[in-house]
Protein backbone atom coordinates (compact mmCIF):
# COMPACT_ATOMS: atom_id res chain seq x y z
CA UNK A 1 33.51 179.08 13.98
CA UNK A 2 34.50 182.83 14.09
CA UNK A 3 35.40 183.89 17.33
CA UNK A 4 32.61 186.68 17.89
CA UNK A 5 30.72 187.05 20.33
CA UNK A 6 27.36 186.75 18.02
CA UNK A 7 28.55 183.68 16.46
CA UNK A 8 29.11 181.98 19.67
CA UNK A 9 25.93 182.84 20.80
CA UNK A 10 24.09 181.42 17.46
CA UNK A 11 26.10 178.01 18.33
CA UNK A 12 24.95 177.89 21.54
CA UNK A 13 21.37 178.45 19.89
CA UNK A 14 22.41 175.88 17.49
CA UNK A 15 23.46 173.26 20.38
CA UNK A 16 20.39 173.90 22.44
CA UNK A 17 17.97 173.11 19.54
CA UNK A 18 20.30 169.55 18.63
CA UNK A 19 19.81 168.95 22.10
CA UNK A 20 16.12 169.49 21.87
CA UNK A 21 15.93 167.66 18.80
CA UNK A 22 18.11 164.33 20.27
CA UNK A 23 15.07 164.32 23.05
CA UNK A 24 12.57 164.11 20.41
CA UNK A 25 14.13 161.79 18.20
CA UNK A 26 14.81 159.53 21.82
CA UNK A 27 11.20 159.96 22.57
CA UNK A 28 10.28 158.46 18.92
CA UNK A 29 12.45 155.78 18.98
CA UNK A 30 14.66 157.13 16.06
CA UNK A 31 17.85 157.34 18.33
CA UNK A 32 19.41 154.72 21.28
CA UNK A 33 19.45 156.11 24.68
CA UNK A 34 23.38 155.26 24.34
CA UNK A 35 23.66 157.28 21.24
CA UNK A 36 21.82 160.02 22.61
CA UNK A 37 23.67 160.24 25.82
CA UNK A 38 26.58 160.44 23.94
CA UNK A 39 25.78 163.15 22.12
CA UNK A 40 24.35 165.21 24.78
CA UNK A 41 27.86 164.54 26.98
CA UNK A 42 29.25 165.94 23.60
CA UNK A 43 26.89 168.89 23.45
CA UNK A 44 27.32 169.67 26.95
CA UNK A 45 31.06 170.03 26.52
CA UNK A 46 30.67 172.35 23.46
CA UNK A 47 28.07 174.32 25.60
CA UNK A 48 30.74 174.67 28.38
CA UNK A 49 33.42 175.78 26.06
CA UNK A 50 31.19 178.15 24.33
CA UNK A 51 30.20 179.91 27.65
CA UNK A 52 33.78 179.80 28.88
CA UNK A 53 34.68 181.61 25.82
CA UNK A 54 32.26 184.11 26.19
CA UNK A 55 33.57 184.61 29.91
CA UNK A 56 37.14 185.16 28.43
CA UNK A 57 36.15 187.54 26.05
CA UNK A 58 34.34 189.64 28.29
CA UNK A 59 37.10 189.69 30.95
CA UNK A 60 39.49 190.73 28.00
CA UNK A 61 37.15 193.53 27.26
CA UNK A 62 37.03 194.47 30.84
CA UNK A 63 40.72 194.44 30.89
CA UNK A 64 41.25 196.74 27.81
CA UNK A 65 42.73 193.64 25.62
CA UNK A 66 41.45 192.63 22.55
CA UNK A 67 38.56 189.73 23.11
CA UNK A 68 39.92 188.28 19.82
CA UNK A 69 43.22 187.09 21.65
CA UNK A 70 40.68 184.67 23.63
CA UNK A 71 40.12 181.18 22.52
CA UNK A 72 38.43 178.07 23.03
CA UNK A 73 40.00 176.19 25.85
CA UNK A 74 40.33 172.05 25.70
CA UNK A 75 37.44 169.95 27.04
CA UNK A 76 39.50 168.80 29.76
CA UNK A 77 40.20 172.00 31.21
CA UNK A 78 36.57 173.56 30.67
CA UNK A 79 35.45 170.34 32.59
CA UNK A 80 37.55 170.69 35.84
CA UNK A 81 36.04 173.85 36.39
CA UNK A 82 32.93 171.97 37.78
CA UNK A 83 35.08 170.12 40.18
């Protein structure tokens, strides 16, 4: 995924659509609860990483730096922000 704001927002939209589709599949019996939960957890991490990247890019812009120098942080780093 190219790290432009537009592409990051597009990826977020795709992840949200996948989340909604997955919930529909569960209600239709096309996926197990365990598979749904596992994929939803992965989607949540990806969404957290995307939002973090957008915040990093904005912070770099605000500081007069190049937003393209921002990078996706590892899941274990991003997920610790909630604790």
